[in-house]
């Protein structure tokens, strides 16, 4: 026969949620840093084909920074 489990306390729930949010913020920060290095041409972590278009690069960097500002 199935027995219902005990209810999890609110503090435990908040602790778990906070840890989950901290992980996502860290991943977003790393992704943003990598995107900035790729768009600026300073990336040395991997190989990729880049076309030189300065106006497109500036617009891309601004859009990436706006997206991150909306996340935080």
PDB file of N, CA and C in Angstrom:
ATOM      1  N   UNK A   1       0.829  -1.176   0.000  1.00  0.00           N
ATOM      2  CA  UNK A   1       0.000   0.000   0.000  1.00  0.00           C
ATOM      3  C   UNK A   1       0.880   1.249   0.000  1.00  0.00           C
ATOM      4  N   UNK A   2       0.516   2.236  -0.835  1.00  0.00           N
ATOM      5  CA  UNK A   2       1.307   3.461  -0.964  1.00  0.00           C
ATOM      6  C   UNK A   2       1.091   4.359   0.254  1.00  0.00           C
ATOM      7  N   UNK A   3       2.201   4.890   0.736  1.00  0.00           N
ATOM      8  CA  UNK A   3       2.158   5.792   1.884  1.00  0.00           C
ATOM      9  C   UNK A   3       2.692   7.155   1.447  1.00  0.00           C
ATOM     10  N   UNK A   4       1.978   8.240   1.726  1.00  0.00           N
ATOM     11  CA  UNK A   4       2.470   9.558   1.321  1.00  0.00           C
ATOM     12  C   UNK A   4       3.754   9.927   2.064  1.00  0.00           C
ATOM     13  N   UNK A   5       4.642  10.610   1.363  1.00  0.00           N
ATOM     14  CA  UNK A   5       5.909  11.020   1.969  1.00  0.00           C
ATOM     15  C   UNK A   5       5.684  12.253   2.837  1.00  0.00           C
ATOM     16  N   UNK A   6       6.650  12.481   3.740  1.00  0.00           N
ATOM     17  CA  UNK A   6       6.567  13.673   4.580  1.00  0.00           C
ATOM     18  C   UNK A   6       6.843  14.914   3.736  1.00  0.00           C
ATOM     19  N   UNK A   7       6.265  15.989   4.153  1.00  0.00           N
ATOM     20  CA  UNK A   7       6.419  17.235   3.421  1.00  0.00           C
ATOM     21  C   UNK A   7       7.809  17.822   3.671  1.00  0.00           C
ATOM     22  N   UNK A   8       8.441  18.334   2.600  1.00  0.00           N
ATOM     23  CA  UNK A   8       9.749  18.971   2.721  1.00  0.00           C
ATOM     24  C   UNK A   8       9.560  20.370   3.294  1.00  0.00           C
ATOM     25  N   UNK A   9      10.440  20.738   4.227  1.00  0.00           N
ATOM     26  CA  UNK A   9      10.318  22.057   4.846  1.00  0.00           C
ATOM     27  C   UNK A   9      10.629  23.157   3.837  1.00  0.00           C
ATOM     28  N   UNK A  10      10.108  24.334   4.106  1.00  0.00           N
ATOM     29  CA  UNK A  10      10.313  25.473   3.216  1.00  0.00           C
ATOM     30  C   UNK A  10      11.775  25.871   3.116  1.00  0.00           C
ATOM     31  N   UNK A  11      12.511  25.775   4.229  1.00  0.00           N
ATOM     32  CA  UNK A  11      13.914  26.186   4.198  1.00  0.00           C
ATOM     33  C   UNK A  11      14.749  25.252   3.317  1.00  0.00           C
ATOM     34  N   UNK A  12      14.478  23.961   3.373  1.00  0.00           N
ATOM     35  CA  UNK A  12      15.210  23.025   2.520  1.00  0.00           C
ATOM     36  C   UNK A  12      14.913  23.313   1.048  1.00  0.00           C
ATOM     37  N   UNK A  13      13.667  23.609   0.761  1.00  0.00           N
ATOM     38  CA  UNK A  13      13.264  23.914  -0.603  1.00  0.00           C
ATOM     39  C   UNK A  13      13.977  25.166  -1.113  1.00  0.00           C
ATOM     40  N   UNK A  14      14.052  26.202  -0.286  1.00  0.00           N
ATOM     41  CA  UNK A  14      14.730  27.445  -0.673  1.00  0.00           C
ATOM     42  C   UNK A  14      16.227  27.227  -0.883  1.00  0.00           C
ATOM     43  N   UNK A  15      16.840  26.396  -0.034  1.00  0.00           N
ATOM     44  CA  UNK A  15      18.269  26.098  -0.171  1.00  0.00           C
ATOM     45  C   UNK A  15      18.534  25.415  -1.503  1.00  0.00           C
ATOM     46  N   UNK A  16      17.718  24.442  -1.857  1.00  0.00           N
ATOM     47  CA  UNK A  16      17.893  23.727  -3.125  1.00  0.00           C
ATOM     48  C   UNK A  16      17.692  24.660  -4.317  1.00  0.00           C
ATOM     49  N   UNK A  17      16.662  25.479  -4.257  1.00  0.00           N
ATOM     50  CA  UNK A  17      16.396  26.414  -5.354  1.00  0.00           C
ATOM     51  C   UNK A  17      17.528  27.426  -5.513  1.00  0.00           C
ATOM     52  N   UNK A  18      18.060  27.898  -4.387  1.00  0.00           N
ATOM     53  CA  UNK A  18      19.150  28.869  -4.431  1.00  0.00           C
ATOM     54  C   UNK A  18      20.388  28.253  -5.077  1.00  0.00           C
ATOM     55  N   UNK A  19      20.714  27.021  -4.721  1.00  0.00           N
ATOM     56  CA  UNK A  19      21.867  26.337  -5.313  1.00  0.00           C
ATOM     57  C   UNK A  19      21.676  26.175  -6.814  1.00  0.00           C
ATOM     58  N   UNK A  20      20.471  25.852  -7.227  1.00  0.00           N
ATOM     59  CA  UNK A  20      20.170  25.674  -8.649  1.00  0.00           C
ATOM     60  C   UNK A  20      20.341  26.993  -9.405  1.00  0.00           C
ATOM     61  N   UNK A  21      19.881  28.091  -8.810  1.00  0.00           N
ATOM     62  CA  UNK A  21      19.995  29.396  -9.453  1.00  0.00           C
ATOM     63  C   UNK A  21      21.448  29.841  -9.549  1.00  0.00           C
ATOM     64  N   UNK A  22      22.245  29.572  -8.514  1.00  0.00           N
ATOM     65  CA  UNK A  22      23.660  29.940  -8.522  1.00  0.00           C
ATOM     66  C   UNK A  22      24.383  29.216  -9.653  1.00  0.00           C
ATOM     67  N   UNK A  23      24.067  27.934  -9.868  1.00  0.00           N
ATOM     68  CA  UNK A  23      24.690  27.185 -10.958  1.00  0.00           C
ATOM     69  C   UNK A  23      24.360  27.810 -12.303  1.00  0.00           C
ATOM     70  N   UNK A  24      23.105  28.195 -12.500  1.00  0.00           N
ATOM     71  CA  UNK A  24      22.706  28.762 -13.788  1.00  0.00           C
ATOM     72  C   UNK A  24      23.354  30.118 -14.017  1.00  0.00           C
ATOM     73  N   UNK A  25      23.519  30.912 -12.979  1.00  0.00           N
ATOM     74  CA  UNK A  25      24.170  32.211 -13.118  1.00  0.00           C
ATOM     75  C   UNK A  25      25.636  32.024 -13.498  1.00  0.00           C
ATOM     76  N   UNK A  26      26.288  31.024 -12.905  1.00  0.00           N
ATOM     77  CA  UNK A  26      27.686  30.739 -13.249  1.00  0.00           C
ATOM     78  C   UNK A  26      27.833  30.313 -14.696  1.00  0.00           C
ATOM     79  N   UNK A  27      26.931  29.460 -15.179  1.00  0.00           N
ATOM     80  CA  UNK A  27      26.975  29.013 -16.580  1.00  0.00           C
ATOM     81  C   UNK A  27      26.743  30.187 -17.520  1.00  0.00           C
ATOM     82  N   UNK A  28      25.800  31.065 -17.175  1.00  0.00           N
ATOM     83  CA  UNK A  28      25.515  32.226 -18.015  1.00  0.00           C
ATOM     84  C   UNK A  28      26.725  33.157 -18.080  1.00  0.00           C
ATOM     85  N   UNK A  29      27.405  33.323 -16.965  1.00  0.00           N
ATOM     86  CA  UNK A  29      28.586  34.180 -16.918  1.00  0.00           C
ATOM     87  C   UNK A  29      29.699  33.627 -17.800  1.00  0.00           C
ATOM     88  N   UNK A  30      29.940  32.318 -17.719  1.00  0.00           N
ATOM     89  CA  UNK A  30      30.967  31.696 -18.555  1.00  0.00           C
ATOM     90  C   UNK A  30      30.615  31.807 -20.033  1.00  0.00           C
ATOM     91  N   UNK A  31      29.353  31.584 -20.360  1.00  0.00           N
ATOM     92  CA  UNK A  31      28.915  31.675 -21.754  1.00  0.00           C
ATOM     93  C   UNK A  31      29.097  33.083 -22.292  1.00  0.00           C
ATOM     94  N   UNK A  32      28.754  34.067 -21.488  1.00  0.00           N
ATOM     95  CA  UNK A  32      28.896  35.460 -21.906  1.00  0.00           C
ATOM     96  C   UNK A  32      30.361  35.812 -22.122  1.00  0.00           C
ATOM     97  N   UNK A  33      31.231  35.348 -21.226  1.00  0.00           N
ATOM     98  CA  UNK A  33      32.660  35.603 -21.353  1.00  0.00           C
ATOM     99  C   UNK A  33      33.219  34.984 -22.630  1.00  0.00           C
ATOM    100  N   UNK A  34      32.815  33.760 -22.920  1.00  0.00           N
ATOM    101  CA  UNK A  34      33.262  33.092 -24.134  1.00  0.00           C
ATOM    102  C   UNK A  34      32.750  33.813 -25.377  1.00  0.00           C
ATOM    103  N   UNK A  35      31.498  34.250 -25.343  1.00  0.00           N
ATOM    104  CA  UNK A  35      30.930  34.975 -26.484  1.00  0.00           C
ATOM    105  C   UNK A  35      31.677  36.284 -26.717  1.00  0.00           C
ATOM    106  N   UNK A  36      32.030  36.974 -25.653  1.00  0.00           N
ATOM    107  CA  UNK A  36      32.777  38.217 -25.788  1.00  0.00           C
ATOM    108  C   UNK A  36      34.143  37.967 -26.415  1.00  0.00           C
ATOM    109  N   UNK A  37      34.830  36.919 -25.976  1.00  0.00           N
ATOM    110  CA  UNK A  37      36.158  36.648 -26.524  1.00  0.00           C
ATOM    111  C   UNK A  37      36.075  36.237 -27.990  1.00  0.00           C
ATOM    112  N   UNK A  38      35.047  35.479 -28.357  1.00  0.00           N
ATOM    113  CA  UNK A  38      34.884  35.081 -29.753  1.00  0.00           C
ATOM    114  C   UNK A  38      34.585  36.297 -30.623  1.00  0.00           C
ATOM    115  N   UNK A  39      33.675  37.154 -30.172  1.00  0.00           N
ATOM    116  CA  UNK A  39      33.289  38.317 -30.963  1.00  0.00           C
ATOM    117  C   UNK A  39      34.409  39.346 -31.078  1.00  0.00           C
ATOM    118  N   UNK A  40      35.263  39.425 -30.068  1.00  0.00           N
ATOM    119  CA  UNK A  40      36.362  40.382 -30.120  1.00  0.00           C
ATOM    120  C   UNK A  40      37.570  39.820 -30.851  1.00  0.00           C
ATOM    121  N   UNK A  41      37.582  38.510 -31.114  1.00  0.00           N
ATOM    122  CA  UNK A  41      38.685  37.901 -31.840  1.00  0.00           C
ATOM    123  C   UNK A  41      39.843  37.476 -30.968  1.00  0.00           C
ATOM    124  N   UNK A  42      39.664  37.443 -29.646  1.00  0.00           N
ATOM    125  CA  UNK A  42      40.751  37.083 -28.741  1.00  0.00           C
ATOM    126  C   UNK A  42      40.686  35.639 -28.266  1.00  0.00           C
ATOM    127  N   UNK A  43      39.727  34.884 -28.753  1.00  0.00           N
ATOM    128  CA  UNK A  43      39.549  33.525 -28.272  1.00  0.00           C
ATOM    129  C   UNK A  43      40.686  32.625 -28.738  1.00  0.00           C
ATOM    130  N   UNK A  44      41.239  31.841 -27.797  1.00  0.00           N
ATOM    131  CA  UNK A  44      42.281  30.881 -28.129  1.00  0.00           C
ATOM    132  C   UNK A  44      41.885  29.474 -27.698  1.00  0.00           C
ATOM    133  N   UNK A  45      40.653  29.319 -27.256  1.00  0.00           N
ATOM    134  CA  UNK A  45      40.236  28.029 -26.717  1.00  0.00           C
ATOM    135  C   UNK A  45      39.769  27.052 -27.792  1.00  0.00           C
ATOM    136  N   UNK A  46      39.376  27.537 -28.964  1.00  0.00           N
ATOM    137  CA  UNK A  46      38.949  26.653 -30.032  1.00  0.00           C
ATOM    138  C   UNK A  46      39.100  27.358 -31.374  1.00  0.00           C
ATOM    139  N   UNK A  47      39.028  26.587 -32.434  1.00  0.00           N
ATOM    140  CA  UNK A  47      39.195  27.120 -33.784  1.00  0.00           C
ATOM    141  C   UNK A  47      37.829  27.362 -34.416  1.00  0.00           C
ATOM    142  N   UNK A  48      37.714  28.443 -35.162  1.00  0.00           N
ATOM    143  CA  UNK A  48      36.482  28.759 -35.848  1.00  0.00           C
ATOM    144  C   UNK A  48      36.806  29.663 -37.033  1.00  0.00           C
ATOM    145  N   UNK A  49      35.897  29.745 -37.964  1.00  0.00           N
ATOM    146  CA  UNK A  49      36.071  30.607 -39.135  1.00  0.00           C
ATOM    147  C   UNK A  49      35.424  31.942 -38.826  1.00  0.00           C
ATOM    148  N   UNK A  50      36.208  32.992 -38.934  1.00  0.00           N
ATOM    149  CA  UNK A  50      35.701  34.324 -38.615  1.00  0.00           C
ATOM    150  C   UNK A  50      35.842  35.225 -39.828  1.00  0.00           C
ATOM    151  N   UNK A  51      34.795  35.986 -40.096  1.00  0.00           N
ATOM    152  CA  UNK A  51      34.836  36.977 -41.160  1.00  0.00           C
ATOM    153  C   UNK A  51      34.973  38.345 -40.516  1.00  0.00           C
ATOM    154  N   UNK A  52      35.771  39.180 -41.096  1.00  0.00           N
ATOM    155  CA  UNK A  52      36.029  40.498 -40.524  1.00  0.00           C
ATOM    156  C   UNK A  52      34.949  41.485 -40.954  1.00  0.00           C
ATOM    157  N   UNK A  53      34.061  41.798 -40.053  1.00  0.00           N
ATOM    158  CA  UNK A  53      33.046  42.821 -40.251  1.00  0.00           C
ATOM    159  C   UNK A  53      32.885  43.537 -38.926  1.00  0.00           C
ATOM    160  N   UNK A  54      33.479  44.703 -38.795  1.00  0.00           N
ATOM    161  CA  UNK A  54      33.509  45.397 -37.513  1.00  0.00           C
ATOM    162  C   UNK A  54      32.128  45.863 -37.062  1.00  0.00           C
ATOM    163  N   UNK A  55      31.290  46.331 -37.980  1.00  0.00           N
ATOM    164  CA  UNK A  55      29.973  46.829 -37.572  1.00  0.00           C
ATOM    165  C   UNK A  55      29.093  45.687 -37.071  1.00  0.00           C
ATOM    166  N   UNK A  56      29.194  44.533 -37.720  1.00  0.00           N
ATOM    167  CA  UNK A  56      28.393  43.391 -37.288  1.00  0.00           C
ATOM    168  C   UNK A  56      28.880  42.880 -35.932  1.00  0.00           C
ATOM    169  N   UNK A  57      30.182  42.910 -35.699  1.00  0.00           N
ATOM    170  CA  UNK A  57      30.746  42.462 -34.433  1.00  0.00           C
ATOM    171  C   UNK A  57      30.270  43.347 -33.292  1.00  0.00           C
ATOM    172  N   UNK A  58      30.287  44.666 -33.492  1.00  0.00           N
ATOM    173  CA  UNK A  58      29.839  45.588 -32.443  1.00  0.00           C
ATOM    174  C   UNK A  58      28.365  45.385 -32.113  1.00  0.00           C
ATOM    175  N   UNK A  59      27.537  45.185 -33.135  1.00  0.00           N
ATOM    176  CA  UNK A  59      26.112  44.962 -32.899  1.00  0.00           C
ATOM    177  C   UNK A  59      25.888  43.661 -32.164  1.00  0.00           C
ATOM    178  N   UNK A  60      26.653  42.624 -32.501  1.00  0.00           N
ATOM    179  CA  UNK A  60      26.500  41.324 -31.844  1.00  0.00           C
ATOM    180  C   UNK A  60      26.887  41.413 -30.378  1.00  0.00           C
ATOM    181  N   UNK A  61      27.976  42.127 -30.079  1.00  0.00           N
ATOM    182  CA  UNK A  61      28.415  42.264 -28.687  1.00  0.00           C
ATOM    183  C   UNK A  61      27.364  43.014 -27.870  1.00  0.00           C
ATOM    184  N   UNK A  62      26.768  44.053 -28.459  1.00  0.00           N
ATOM    185  CA  UNK A  62      25.745  44.801 -27.744  1.00  0.00           C
ATOM    186  C   UNK A  62      24.513  43.944 -27.468  1.00  0.00           C
ATOM    187  N   UNK A  63      24.107  43.128 -28.442  1.00  0.00           N
ATOM    188  CA  UNK A  63      22.937  42.297 -28.239  1.00  0.00           C
ATOM    189  C   UNK A  63      23.203  41.223 -27.182  1.00  0.00           C
ATOM    190  N   UNK A  64      24.421  40.672 -27.151  1.00  0.00           N
ATOM    191  CA  UNK A  64      24.757  39.665 -26.149  1.00  0.00           C
ATOM    192  C   UNK A  64      24.761  40.305 -24.756  1.00  0.00           C
ATOM    193  N   UNK A  65      25.327  41.495 -24.630  1.00  0.00           N
ATOM    194  CA  UNK A  65      25.357  42.147 -23.332  1.00  0.00           C
ATOM    195  C   UNK A  65      23.956  42.544 -22.870  1.00  0.00           C
ATOM    196  N   UNK A  66      23.079  42.928 -23.792  1.00  0.00           N
ATOM    197  CA  UNK A  66      21.697  43.246 -23.429  1.00  0.00           C
ATOM    198  C   UNK A  66      20.958  42.005 -22.932  1.00  0.00           C
ATOM    199  N   UNK A  67      21.213  40.859 -23.567  1.00  0.00           N
ATOM    200  CA  UNK A  67      20.569  39.611 -23.152  1.00  0.00           C
ATOM    201  C   UNK A  67      20.991  39.241 -21.751  1.00  0.00           C
ATOM    202  N   UNK A  68      22.286  39.376 -21.442  1.00  0.00           N
ATOM    203  CA  UNK A  68      22.765  39.015 -20.113  1.00  0.00           C
ATOM    204  C   UNK A  68      22.206  39.971 -19.068  1.00  0.00           C
ATOM    205  N   UNK A  69      22.063  41.249 -19.415  1.00  0.00           N
ATOM    206  CA  UNK A  69      21.508  42.221 -18.478  1.00  0.00           C
ATOM    207  C   UNK A  69      20.068  41.844 -18.138  1.00  0.00           C
ATOM    208  N   UNK A  70      19.332  41.327 -19.106  1.00  0.00           N
ATOM    209  CA  UNK A  70      17.950  40.937 -18.856  1.00  0.00           C
ATOM    210  C   UNK A  70      17.872  39.691 -17.998  1.00  0.00           C
ATOM    211  N   UNK A  71      18.887  38.803 -18.065  1.00  0.00           N
ATOM    212  CA  UNK A  71      18.891  37.574 -17.263  1.00  0.00           C
ATOM    213  C   UNK A  71      19.065  37.901 -15.798  1.00  0.00           C
ATOM    214  N   UNK A  72      20.006  38.819 -15.491  1.00  0.00           N
ATOM    215  CA  UNK A  72      20.261  39.155 -14.086  1.00  0.00           C
ATOM    216  C   UNK A  72      19.158  40.020 -13.582  1.00  0.00           C
TER     217      UNK A  72
END
